[in-house]
Amino acid sequence: MADIIDFHKNPVTNIKKDLKKKEKELNRAKEELAFFKRIYSATASTGDLLKLQLADLESSITILQGHLSLVQQNLKNLKAKLADLDDAKSQIYVVPPDDKPKK
């Protein structure tokens, strides 16, 4: 596309052919530019979508961390209740029945 048309060597018909050739090259370059613009636009849209998905994942992680904290607290409470039950169980004394049957 950097060719220079030499007006002194080419007759008018050759200049017209060269101009048509350059117009075709220009149109091809415009089509390529439009193609790359579409690719850029699609890439930008994909990037925006990925940013939204990342924000959604971060939000989900925050929610899951909250749930994990609740589960850990519940587990701690259950362990305390189990310790209380074990303590209560150790304080229960069962009276064994008499070996002799009553008459």
PDB file of N, CA and C in Angstrom:
ATOM      1  N   MET A   1       0.826  -1.177   0.000  1.00  0.00           N
ATOM      2  CA  MET A   1       0.000   0.000   0.000  1.00  0.00           C
ATOM      3  C   MET A   1       0.878   1.250   0.000  1.00  0.00           C
ATOM      4  N   ALA A   2       2.129   1.080   0.250  1.00  0.00           N
ATOM      5  CA  ALA A   2       3.042   2.218   0.285  1.00  0.00           C
ATOM      6  C   ALA A   2       3.598   2.531  -1.101  1.00  0.00           C
ATOM      7  N   ASP A   3       3.067   1.861  -2.131  1.00  0.00           N
ATOM      8  CA  ASP A   3       3.552   2.133  -3.488  1.00  0.00           C
ATOM      9  C   ASP A   3       3.211   3.559  -3.890  1.00  0.00           C
ATOM     10  N   ILE A   4       4.127   4.175  -4.592  1.00  0.00           N
ATOM     11  CA  ILE A   4       3.904   5.532  -5.099  1.00  0.00           C
ATOM     12  C   ILE A   4       3.603   5.425  -6.584  1.00  0.00           C
ATOM     13  N   ILE A   5       2.522   6.061  -6.982  1.00  0.00           N
ATOM     14  CA  ILE A   5       2.153   6.042  -8.402  1.00  0.00           C
ATOM     15  C   ILE A   5       3.019   7.064  -9.131  1.00  0.00           C
ATOM     16  N   ASP A   6       3.718   6.577 -10.129  1.00  0.00           N
ATOM     17  CA  ASP A   6       4.598   7.461 -10.906  1.00  0.00           C
ATOM     18  C   ASP A   6       3.794   8.001 -12.090  1.00  0.00           C
ATOM     19  N   PHE A   7       3.367   9.265 -11.996  1.00  0.00           N
ATOM     20  CA  PHE A   7       2.528   9.869 -13.037  1.00  0.00           C
ATOM     21  C   PHE A   7       3.301  10.127 -14.324  1.00  0.00           C
ATOM     22  N   HIS A   8       4.606  10.184 -14.268  1.00  0.00           N
ATOM     23  CA  HIS A   8       5.403  10.478 -15.465  1.00  0.00           C
ATOM     24  C   HIS A   8       5.592   9.246 -16.332  1.00  0.00           C
ATOM     25  N   LYS A   9       5.616   8.043 -15.745  1.00  0.00           N
ATOM     26  CA  LYS A   9       5.862   6.833 -16.522  1.00  0.00           C
ATOM     27  C   LYS A   9       4.562   6.153 -16.954  1.00  0.00           C
ATOM     28  N   ASN A  10       3.495   6.268 -16.151  1.00  0.00           N
ATOM     29  CA  ASN A  10       2.248   5.561 -16.443  1.00  0.00           C
ATOM     30  C   ASN A  10       1.317   6.436 -17.265  1.00  0.00           C
ATOM     31  N   PRO A  11       0.756   5.856 -18.289  1.00  0.00           N
ATOM     32  CA  PRO A  11      -0.286   6.590 -19.011  1.00  0.00           C
ATOM     33  C   PRO A  11      -1.558   6.620 -18.156  1.00  0.00           C
ATOM     34  N   VAL A  12      -2.515   7.399 -18.567  1.00  0.00           N
ATOM     35  CA  VAL A  12      -3.744   7.614 -17.797  1.00  0.00           C
ATOM     36  C   VAL A  12      -4.473   6.302 -17.518  1.00  0.00           C
ATOM     37  N   THR A  13      -4.525   5.401 -18.456  1.00  0.00           N
ATOM     38  CA  THR A  13      -5.235   4.127 -18.239  1.00  0.00           C
ATOM     39  C   THR A  13      -4.567   3.304 -17.143  1.00  0.00           C
ATOM     40  N   ASN A  14      -3.252   3.310 -17.127  1.00  0.00           N
ATOM     41  CA  ASN A  14      -2.549   2.566 -16.077  1.00  0.00           C
ATOM     42  C   ASN A  14      -2.764   3.224 -14.710  1.00  0.00           C
ATOM     43  N   ILE A  15      -2.869   4.556 -14.726  1.00  0.00           N
ATOM     44  CA  ILE A  15      -3.113   5.264 -13.466  1.00  0.00           C
ATOM     45  C   ILE A  15      -4.493   4.881 -12.931  1.00  0.00           C
ATOM     46  N   LYS A  16      -5.502   4.780 -13.809  1.00  0.00           N
ATOM     47  CA  LYS A  16      -6.840   4.374 -13.388  1.00  0.00           C
ATOM     48  C   LYS A  16      -6.825   2.952 -12.827  1.00  0.00           C
ATOM     49  N   LYS A  17      -6.072   2.055 -13.471  1.00  0.00           N
ATOM     50  CA  LYS A  17      -5.953   0.681 -12.972  1.00  0.00           C
ATOM     51  C   LYS A  17      -5.294   0.670 -11.597  1.00  0.00           C
ATOM     52  N   ASP A  18      -4.227   1.479 -11.465  1.00  0.00           N
ATOM     53  CA  ASP A  18      -3.536   1.551 -10.176  1.00  0.00           C
ATOM     54  C   ASP A  18      -4.461   2.111  -9.097  1.00  0.00           C
ATOM     55  N   LEU A  19      -5.278   3.112  -9.454  1.00  0.00           N
ATOM     56  CA  LEU A  19      -6.213   3.683  -8.484  1.00  0.00           C
ATOM     57  C   LEU A  19      -7.258   2.648  -8.055  1.00  0.00           C
ATOM     58  N   LYS A  20      -7.762   1.871  -9.019  1.00  0.00           N
ATOM     59  CA  LYS A  20      -8.731   0.822  -8.683  1.00  0.00           C
ATOM     60  C   LYS A  20      -8.096  -0.225  -7.769  1.00  0.00           C
ATOM     61  N   LYS A  21      -6.851  -0.561  -8.064  1.00  0.00           N
ATOM     62  CA  LYS A  21      -6.123  -1.523  -7.231  1.00  0.00           C
ATOM     63  C   LYS A  21      -5.967  -0.974  -5.809  1.00  0.00           C
ATOM     64  N   LYS A  22      -5.623   0.302  -5.722  1.00  0.00           N
ATOM     65  CA  LYS A  22      -5.452   0.931  -4.409  1.00  0.00           C
ATOM     66  C   LYS A  22      -6.791   1.018  -3.675  1.00  0.00           C
ATOM     67  N   GLU A  23      -7.882   1.268  -4.407  1.00  0.00           N
ATOM     68  CA  GLU A  23      -9.208   1.303  -3.791  1.00  0.00           C
ATOM     69  C   GLU A  23      -9.573  -0.067  -3.217  1.00  0.00           C
ATOM     70  N   LYS A  24      -9.246  -1.134  -3.966  1.00  0.00           N
ATOM     71  CA  LYS A  24      -9.506  -2.485  -3.471  1.00  0.00           C
ATOM     72  C   LYS A  24      -8.701  -2.753  -2.201  1.00  0.00           C
ATOM     73  N   GLU A  25      -7.427  -2.340  -2.212  1.00  0.00           N
ATOM     74  CA  GLU A  25      -6.581  -2.523  -1.028  1.00  0.00           C
ATOM     75  C   GLU A  25      -7.137  -1.728   0.156  1.00  0.00           C
ATOM     76  N   LEU A  26      -7.610  -0.509  -0.134  1.00  0.00           N
ATOM     77  CA  LEU A  26      -8.184   0.323   0.919  1.00  0.00           C
ATOM     78  C   LEU A  26      -9.447  -0.325   1.489  1.00  0.00           C
ATOM     79  N   ASN A  27     -10.304  -0.835   0.611  1.00  0.00           N
ATOM     80  CA  ASN A  27     -11.529  -1.503   1.066  1.00  0.00           C
ATOM     81  C   ASN A  27     -11.200  -2.743   1.899  1.00  0.00           C
ATOM     82  N   ARG A  28     -10.184  -3.494   1.466  1.00  0.00           N
ATOM     83  CA  ARG A  28      -9.761  -4.669   2.227  1.00  0.00           C
ATOM     84  C   ARG A  28      -9.244  -4.257   3.609  1.00  0.00           C
ATOM     85  N   ALA A  29      -8.473  -3.176   3.645  1.00  0.00           N
ATOM     86  CA  ALA A  29      -7.957  -2.678   4.922  1.00  0.00           C
ATOM     87  C   ALA A  29      -9.108  -2.211   5.818  1.00  0.00           C
ATOM     88  N   LYS A  30     -10.128  -1.575   5.219  1.00  0.00           N
ATOM     89  CA  LYS A  30     -11.296  -1.144   5.994  1.00  0.00           C
ATOM     90  C   LYS A  30     -12.042  -2.348   6.564  1.00  0.00           C
ATOM     91  N   GLU A  31     -12.180  -3.405   5.752  1.00  0.00           N
ATOM     92  CA  GLU A  31     -12.841  -4.618   6.222  1.00  0.00           C
ATOM     93  C   GLU A  31     -12.062  -5.251   7.374  1.00  0.00           C
ATOM     94  N   GLU A  32     -10.736  -5.286   7.243  1.00  0.00           N
ATOM     95  CA  GLU A  32      -9.904  -5.831   8.318  1.00  0.00           C
ATOM     96  C   GLU A  32     -10.049  -4.990   9.585  1.00  0.00           C
ATOM     97  N   LEU A  33     -10.076  -3.679   9.417  1.00  0.00           N
ATOM     98  CA  LEU A  33     -10.239  -2.791  10.562  1.00  0.00           C
ATOM     99  C   LEU A  33     -11.585  -3.041  11.243  1.00  0.00           C
ATOM    100  N   ALA A  34     -12.633  -3.184  10.445  1.00  0.00           N
ATOM    101  CA  ALA A  34     -13.960  -3.461  11.002  1.00  0.00           C
ATOM    102  C   ALA A  34     -13.958  -4.800  11.746  1.00  0.00           C
ATOM    103  N   PHE A  35     -13.267  -5.795  11.171  1.00  0.00           N
ATOM    104  CA  PHE A  35     -13.164  -7.105  11.812  1.00  0.00           C
ATOM    105  C   PHE A  35     -12.478  -6.991  13.168  1.00  0.00           C
ATOM    106  N   PHE A  36     -11.357  -6.270  13.214  1.00  0.00           N
ATOM    107  CA  PHE A  36     -10.629  -6.125  14.471  1.00  0.00           C
ATOM    108  C   PHE A  36     -11.410  -5.287  15.486  1.00  0.00           C
ATOM    109  N   LYS A  37     -12.197  -4.337  14.992  1.00  0.00           N
ATOM    110  CA  LYS A  37     -13.057  -3.570  15.900  1.00  0.00           C
ATOM    111  C   LYS A  37     -14.101  -4.480  16.541  1.00  0.00           C
ATOM    112  N   ARG A  38     -14.674  -5.403  15.735  1.00  0.00           N
ATOM    113  CA  ARG A  38     -15.652  -6.347  16.280  1.00  0.00           C
ATOM    114  C   ARG A  38     -14.996  -7.266  17.313  1.00  0.00           C
ATOM    115  N   ILE A  39     -13.789  -7.720  17.007  1.00  0.00           N
ATOM    116  CA  ILE A  39     -13.065  -8.573  17.962  1.00  0.00           C
ATOM    117  C   ILE A  39     -12.806  -7.796  19.246  1.00  0.00           C
ATOM    118  N   TYR A  40     -12.357  -6.547  19.118  1.00  0.00           N
ATOM    119  CA  TYR A  40     -12.081  -5.722  20.303  1.00  0.00           C
ATOM    120  C   TYR A  40     -13.358  -5.527  21.117  1.00  0.00           C
ATOM    121  N   SER A  41     -14.453  -5.252  20.423  1.00  0.00           N
ATOM    122  CA  SER A  41     -15.728  -5.045  21.112  1.00  0.00           C
ATOM    123  C   SER A  41     -16.160  -6.313  21.848  1.00  0.00           C
ATOM    124  N   ALA A  42     -16.022  -7.457  21.185  1.00  0.00           N
ATOM    125  CA  ALA A  42     -16.388  -8.725  21.821  1.00  0.00           C
ATOM    126  C   ALA A  42     -15.480  -9.006  23.013  1.00  0.00           C
ATOM    127  N   THR A  43     -14.202  -8.702  22.867  1.00  0.00           N
ATOM    128  CA  THR A  43     -13.253  -8.917  23.967  1.00  0.00           C
ATOM    129  C   THR A  43     -13.591  -8.014  25.139  1.00  0.00           C
ATOM    130  N   ALA A  44     -13.933  -6.766  24.852  1.00  0.00           N
ATOM    131  CA  ALA A  44     -14.300  -5.834  25.924  1.00  0.00           C
ATOM    132  C   ALA A  44     -15.568  -6.311  26.630  1.00  0.00           C
ATOM    133  N   SER A  45     -16.540  -6.800  25.855  1.00  0.00           N
ATOM    134  CA  SER A  45     -17.777  -7.318  26.452  1.00  0.00           C
ATOM    135  C   SER A  45     -17.484  -8.529  27.325  1.00  0.00           C
ATOM    136  N   THR A  46     -16.606  -9.408  26.838  1.00  0.00           N
ATOM    137  CA  THR A  46     -16.222 -10.584  27.618  1.00  0.00           C
ATOM    138  C   THR A  46     -15.529 -10.160  28.901  1.00  0.00           C
ATOM    139  N   GLY A  47     -14.674  -9.154  28.809  1.00  0.00           N
ATOM    140  CA  GLY A  47     -13.990  -8.647  30.002  1.00  0.00           C
ATOM    141  C   GLY A  47     -14.975  -8.095  31.017  1.00  0.00           C
ATOM    142  N   ASP A  48     -15.973  -7.364  30.539  1.00  0.00           N
ATOM    143  CA  ASP A  48     -17.001  -6.832  31.441  1.00  0.00           C
ATOM    144  C   ASP A  48     -17.783  -7.968  32.099  1.00  0.00           C
ATOM    145  N   LEU A  49     -18.104  -8.981  31.301  1.00  0.00           N
ATOM    146  CA  LEU A  49     -18.834 -10.130  31.834  1.00  0.00           C
ATOM    147  C   LEU A  49     -17.995 -10.850  32.887  1.00  0.00           C
ATOM    148  N   LEU A  50     -16.705 -11.011  32.616  1.00  0.00           N
ATOM    149  CA  LEU A  50     -15.821 -11.665  33.588  1.00  0.00           C
ATOM    150  C   LEU A  50     -15.719 -10.856  34.874  1.00  0.00           C
ATOM    151  N   LYS A  51     -15.710  -9.530  34.756  1.00  0.00           N
ATOM    152  CA  LYS A  51     -15.675  -8.681  35.954  1.00  0.00           C
ATOM    153  C   LYS A  51     -16.939  -8.888  36.790  1.00  0.00           C
ATOM    154  N   LEU A  52     -18.090  -8.979  36.119  1.00  0.00           N
ATOM    155  CA  LEU A  52     -19.344  -9.213  36.836  1.00  0.00           C
ATOM    156  C   LEU A  52     -19.342 -10.579  37.516  1.00  0.00           C
ATOM    157  N   GLN A  53     -18.828 -11.587  36.798  1.00  0.00           N
ATOM    158  CA  GLN A  53     -18.769 -12.924  37.380  1.00  0.00           C
ATOM    159  C   GLN A  53     -17.817 -12.958  38.573  1.00  0.00           C
ATOM    160  N   LEU A  54     -16.709 -12.232  38.472  1.00  0.00           N
ATOM    161  CA  LEU A  54     -15.762 -12.165  39.584  1.00  0.00           C
ATOM    162  C   LEU A  54     -16.412 -11.517  40.804  1.00  0.00           C
ATOM    163  N   ALA A  55     -17.141 -10.434  40.576  1.00  0.00           N
ATOM    164  CA  ALA A  55     -17.839  -9.769  41.688  1.00  0.00           C
ATOM    165  C   ALA A  55     -18.864 -10.716  42.310  1.00  0.00           C
ATOM    166  N   ASP A  56     -19.562 -11.486  41.470  1.00  0.00           N
ATOM    167  CA  ASP A  56     -20.544 -12.450  41.965  1.00  0.00           C
ATOM    168  C   ASP A  56     -19.863 -13.537  42.791  1.00  0.00           C
ATOM    169  N   LEU A  57     -18.711 -14.014  42.317  1.00  0.00           N
ATOM    170  CA  LEU A  57     -17.965 -15.031  43.066  1.00  0.00           C
ATOM    171  C   LEU A  57     -17.477 -14.488  44.401  1.00  0.00           C
ATOM    172  N   GLU A  58     -16.999 -13.254  44.399  1.00  0.00           N
ATOM    173  CA  GLU A  58     -16.538 -12.645  45.648  1.00  0.00           C
ATOM    174  C   GLU A  58     -17.694 -12.524  46.641  1.00  0.00           C
ATOM    175  N   SER A  59     -18.860 -12.165  46.139  1.00  0.00           N
ATOM    176  CA  SER A  59     -20.048 -12.076  46.995  1.00  0.00           C
ATOM    177  C   SER A  59     -20.411 -13.453  47.551  1.00  0.00           C
ATOM    178  N   SER A  60     -20.357 -14.467  46.699  1.00  0.00           N
ATOM    179  CA  SER A  60     -20.661 -15.831  47.139  1.00  0.00           C
ATOM    180  C   SER A  60     -19.665 -16.298  48.191  1.00  0.00           C
ATOM    181  N   ILE A  61     -18.399 -15.962  48.012  1.00  0.00           N
ATOM    182  CA  ILE A  61     -17.372 -16.338  48.989  1.00  0.00           C
ATOM    183  C   ILE A  61     -17.660 -15.679  50.330  1.00  0.00           C
ATOM    184  N   THR A  62     -18.044 -14.412  50.299  1.00  0.00           N
ATOM    185  CA  THR A  62     -18.371 -13.703  51.541  1.00  0.00           C
ATOM    186  C   THR A  62     -19.543 -14.377  52.254  1.00  0.00           C
ATOM    187  N   ILE A  63     -20.565 -14.742  51.495  1.00  0.00           N
ATOM    188  CA  ILE A  63     -21.730 -15.424  52.074  1.00  0.00           C
ATOM    189  C   ILE A  63     -21.316 -16.770  52.664  1.00  0.00           C
ATOM    190  N   LEU A  64     -20.499 -17.524  51.916  1.00  0.00           N
ATOM    191  CA  LEU A  64     -20.053 -18.831  52.407  1.00  0.00           C
ATOM    192  C   LEU A  64     -19.197 -18.702  53.659  1.00  0.00           C
ATOM    193  N   GLN A  65     -18.395 -17.645  53.737  1.00  0.00           N
ATOM    194  CA  GLN A  65     -17.595 -17.419  54.943  1.00  0.00           C
ATOM    195  C   GLN A  65     -18.509 -17.159  56.142  1.00  0.00           C
ATOM    196  N   GLY A  66     -19.586 -16.413  55.916  1.00  0.00           N
ATOM    197  CA  GLY A  66     -20.564 -16.182  56.979  1.00  0.00           C
ATOM    198  C   GLY A  66     -21.211 -17.480  57.430  1.00  0.00           C
ATOM    199  N   HIS A  67     -21.578 -18.334  56.465  1.00  0.00           N
ATOM    200  CA  HIS A  67     -22.174 -19.628  56.801  1.00  0.00           C
ATOM    201  C   HIS A  67     -21.179 -20.497  57.563  1.00  0.00           C
ATOM    202  N   LEU A  68     -19.927 -20.470  57.138  1.00  0.00           N
ATOM    203  CA  LEU A  68     -18.898 -21.253  57.819  1.00  0.00           C
ATOM    204  C   LEU A  68     -18.746 -20.802  59.266  1.00  0.00           C
ATOM    205  N   SER A  69     -18.789 -19.502  59.489  1.00  0.00           N
ATOM    206  CA  SER A  69     -18.702 -18.985  60.863  1.00  0.00           C
ATOM    207  C   SER A  69     -19.866 -19.489  61.709  1.00  0.00           C
ATOM    208  N   LEU A  70     -21.067 -19.491  61.131  1.00  0.00           N
ATOM    209  CA  LEU A  70     -22.241 -20.002  61.857  1.00  0.00           C
ATOM    210  C   LEU A  70     -22.096 -21.491  62.169  1.00  0.00           C
ATOM    211  N   VAL A  71     -21.616 -22.253  61.202  1.00  0.00           N
ATOM    212  CA  VAL A  71     -21.430 -23.692  61.413  1.00  0.00           C
ATOM    213  C   VAL A  71     -20.390 -23.933  62.507  1.00  0.00           C
ATOM    214  N   GLN A  72     -19.306 -23.161  62.473  1.00  0.00           N
ATOM    215  CA  GLN A  72     -18.276 -23.305  63.504  1.00  0.00           C
ATOM    216  C   GLN A  72     -18.837 -22.964  64.885  1.00  0.00           C
ATOM    217  N   GLN A  73     -19.651 -21.924  64.969  1.00  0.00           N
ATOM    218  CA  GLN A  73     -20.262 -21.546  66.247  1.00  0.00           C
ATOM    219  C   GLN A  73     -21.214 -22.634  66.726  1.00  0.00           C
ATOM    220  N   ASN A  74     -22.009 -23.193  65.801  1.00  0.00           N
ATOM    221  CA  ASN A  74     -22.923 -24.284  66.161  1.00  0.00           C
ATOM    222  C   ASN A  74     -22.148 -25.506  66.647  1.00  0.00           C
ATOM    223  N   LEU A  75     -21.044 -25.808  65.988  1.00  0.00           N
ATOM    224  CA  LEU A  75     -20.213 -26.937  66.400  1.00  0.00           C
ATOM    225  C   LEU A  75     -19.651 -26.710  67.800  1.00  0.00           C
ATOM    226  N   LYS A  76     -19.215 -25.500  68.062  1.00  0.00           N
ATOM    227  CA  LYS A  76     -18.697 -25.151  69.390  1.00  0.00           C
ATOM    228  C   LYS A  76     -19.793 -25.328  70.446  1.00  0.00           C
ATOM    229  N   ASN A  77     -21.002 -24.862  70.140  1.00  0.00           N
ATOM    230  CA  ASN A  77     -22.134 -25.002  71.068  1.00  0.00           C
ATOM    231  C   ASN A  77     -22.478 -26.476  71.303  1.00  0.00           C
ATOM    232  N   LEU A  78     -22.453 -27.272  70.227  1.00  0.00           N
ATOM    233  CA  LEU A  78     -22.754 -28.700  70.363  1.00  0.00           C
ATOM    234  C   LEU A  78     -21.702 -29.409  71.215  1.00  0.00           C
ATOM    235  N   LYS A  79     -20.450 -29.036  71.045  1.00  0.00           N
ATOM    236  CA  LYS A  79     -19.384 -29.631  71.864  1.00  0.00           C
ATOM    237  C   LYS A  79     -19.582 -29.278  73.337  1.00  0.00           C
ATOM    238  N   ALA A  80     -19.987 -28.047  73.605  1.00  0.00           N
ATOM    239  CA  ALA A  80     -20.242 -27.635  74.994  1.00  0.00           C
ATOM    240  C   ALA A  80     -21.410 -28.423  75.578  1.00  0.00           C
ATOM    241  N   LYS A  81     -22.482 -28.621  74.789  1.00  0.00           N
ATOM    242  CA  LYS A  81     -23.631 -29.396  75.265  1.00  0.00           C
ATOM    243  C   LYS A  81     -23.244 -30.853  75.498  1.00  0.00           C
ATOM    244  N   LEU A  82     -22.415 -31.394  74.617  1.00  0.00           N
ATOM    245  CA  LEU A  82     -21.955 -32.769  74.779  1.00  0.00           C
ATOM    246  C   LEU A  82     -21.127 -32.913  76.055  1.00  0.00           C
ATOM    247  N   ALA A  83     -20.290 -31.932  76.325  1.00  0.00           N
ATOM    248  CA  ALA A  83     -19.503 -31.951  77.564  1.00  0.00           C
ATOM    249  C   ALA A  83     -20.429 -31.883  78.777  1.00  0.00           C
ATOM    250  N   ASP A  84     -21.480 -31.062  78.701  1.00  0.00           N
ATOM    251  CA  ASP A  84     -22.457 -30.985  79.798  1.00  0.00           C
ATOM    252  C   ASP A  84     -23.162 -32.327  80.001  1.00  0.00           C
ATOM    253  N   LEU A  85     -23.523 -32.988  78.894  1.00  0.00           N
ATOM    254  CA  LEU A  85     -24.185 -34.294  78.989  1.00  0.00           C
ATOM    255  C   LEU A  85     -23.245 -35.339  79.581  1.00  0.00           C
ATOM    256  N   ASP A  86     -21.992 -35.311  79.169  1.00  0.00           N
ATOM    257  CA  ASP A  86     -21.015 -36.244  79.736  1.00  0.00           C
ATOM    258  C   ASP A  86     -20.854 -36.003  81.231  1.00  0.00           C
ATOM    259  N   ASP A  87     -20.838 -34.743  81.631  1.00  0.00           N
ATOM    260  CA  ASP A  87     -20.719 -34.402  83.052  1.00  0.00           C
ATOM    261  C   ASP A  87     -21.947 -34.891  83.819  1.00  0.00           C
ATOM    262  N   ALA A  88     -23.129 -34.667  83.249  1.00  0.00           N
ATOM    263  CA  ALA A  88     -24.365 -35.114  83.900  1.00  0.00           C
ATOM    264  C   ALA A  88     -24.404 -36.635  83.974  1.00  0.00           C
ATOM    265  N   LYS A  89     -23.939 -37.297  82.930  1.00  0.00           N
ATOM    266  CA  LYS A  89     -23.936 -38.757  82.899  1.00  0.00           C
ATOM    267  C   LYS A  89     -23.029 -39.308  83.997  1.00  0.00           C
ATOM    268  N   SER A  90     -21.913 -38.642  84.229  1.00  0.00           N
ATOM    269  CA  SER A  90     -20.983 -39.130  85.251  1.00  0.00           C
ATOM    270  C   SER A  90     -21.551 -38.953  86.656  1.00  0.00           C
ATOM    271  N   GLN A  91     -22.530 -38.091  86.821  1.00  0.00           N
ATOM    272  CA  GLN A  91     -23.118 -37.847  88.137  1.00  0.00           C
ATOM    273  C   GLN A  91     -24.324 -38.745  88.426  1.00  0.00           C
ATOM    274  N   ILE A  92     -24.764 -39.475  87.432  1.00  0.00           N
ATOM    275  CA  ILE A  92     -25.912 -40.370  87.622  1.00  0.00           C
ATOM    276  C   ILE A  92     -25.411 -41.681  88.235  1.00  0.00           C
ATOM    277  N   TYR A  93     -26.101 -42.071  89.295  1.00  0.00           N
ATOM    278  CA  TYR A  93     -25.763 -43.341  89.936  1.00  0.00           C
ATOM    279  C   TYR A  93     -26.952 -44.264  89.768  1.00  0.00           C
ATOM    280  N   VAL A  94     -26.712 -45.414  89.172  1.00  0.00           N
ATOM    281  CA  VAL A  94     -27.773 -46.388  88.952  1.00  0.00           C
ATOM    282  C   VAL A  94     -27.703 -47.408  90.087  1.00  0.00           C
ATOM    283  N   VAL A  95     -28.836 -47.603  90.744  1.00  0.00           N
ATOM    284  CA  VAL A  95     -28.908 -48.583  91.834  1.00  0.00           C
ATOM    285  C   VAL A  95     -29.157 -49.944  91.212  1.00  0.00           C
ATOM    286  N   PRO A  96     -28.246 -50.871  91.465  1.00  0.00           N
ATOM    287  CA  PRO A  96     -28.454 -52.199  90.877  1.00  0.00           C
ATOM    288  C   PRO A  96     -29.621 -52.917  91.565  1.00  0.00           C
ATOM    289  N   PRO A  97     -30.349 -53.717  90.830  1.00  0.00           N
ATOM    290  CA  PRO A  97     -31.470 -54.448  91.433  1.00  0.00           C
ATOM    291  C   PRO A  97     -30.941 -55.542  92.368  1.00  0.00           C
ATOM    292  N   ASP A  98     -31.795 -55.914  93.286  1.00  0.00           N
ATOM    293  CA  ASP A  98     -31.429 -57.003  94.198  1.00  0.00           C
ATOM    294  C   ASP A  98     -31.310 -58.299  93.420  1.00  0.00           C
ATOM    295  N   ASP A  99     -30.378 -59.120  93.879  1.00  0.00           N
ATOM    296  CA  ASP A  99     -30.212 -60.407  93.215  1.00  0.00           C
ATOM    297  C   ASP A  99     -31.327 -61.383  93.600  1.00  0.00           C
ATOM    298  N   LYS A 100     -31.931 -61.145  94.758  1.00  0.00           N
ATOM    299  CA  LYS A 100     -32.965 -62.049  95.243  1.00  0.00           C
ATOM    300  C   LYS A 100     -34.329 -61.589  94.739  1.00  0.00           C
ATOM    301  N   PRO A 101     -35.058 -62.494  94.196  1.00  0.00           N
ATOM    302  CA  PRO A 101     -36.412 -62.129  93.791  1.00  0.00           C
ATOM    303  C   PRO A 101     -37.308 -61.945  95.005  1.00  0.00           C
ATOM    304  N   LYS A 102     -38.218 -61.012  94.930  1.00  0.00           N
ATOM    305  CA  LYS A 102     -39.149 -60.742  96.032  1.00  0.00           C
ATOM    306  C   LYS A 102     -40.293 -61.732  95.974  1.00  0.00           C
ATOM    307  N   LYS A 103     -40.734 -62.137  97.167  1.00  0.00           N
ATOM    308  CA  LYS A 103     -41.851 -63.081  97.251  1.00  0.00           C
ATOM    309  C   LYS A 103     -43.060 -62.419  97.787  1.00  0.00           C
TER     310      LYS A 103
END
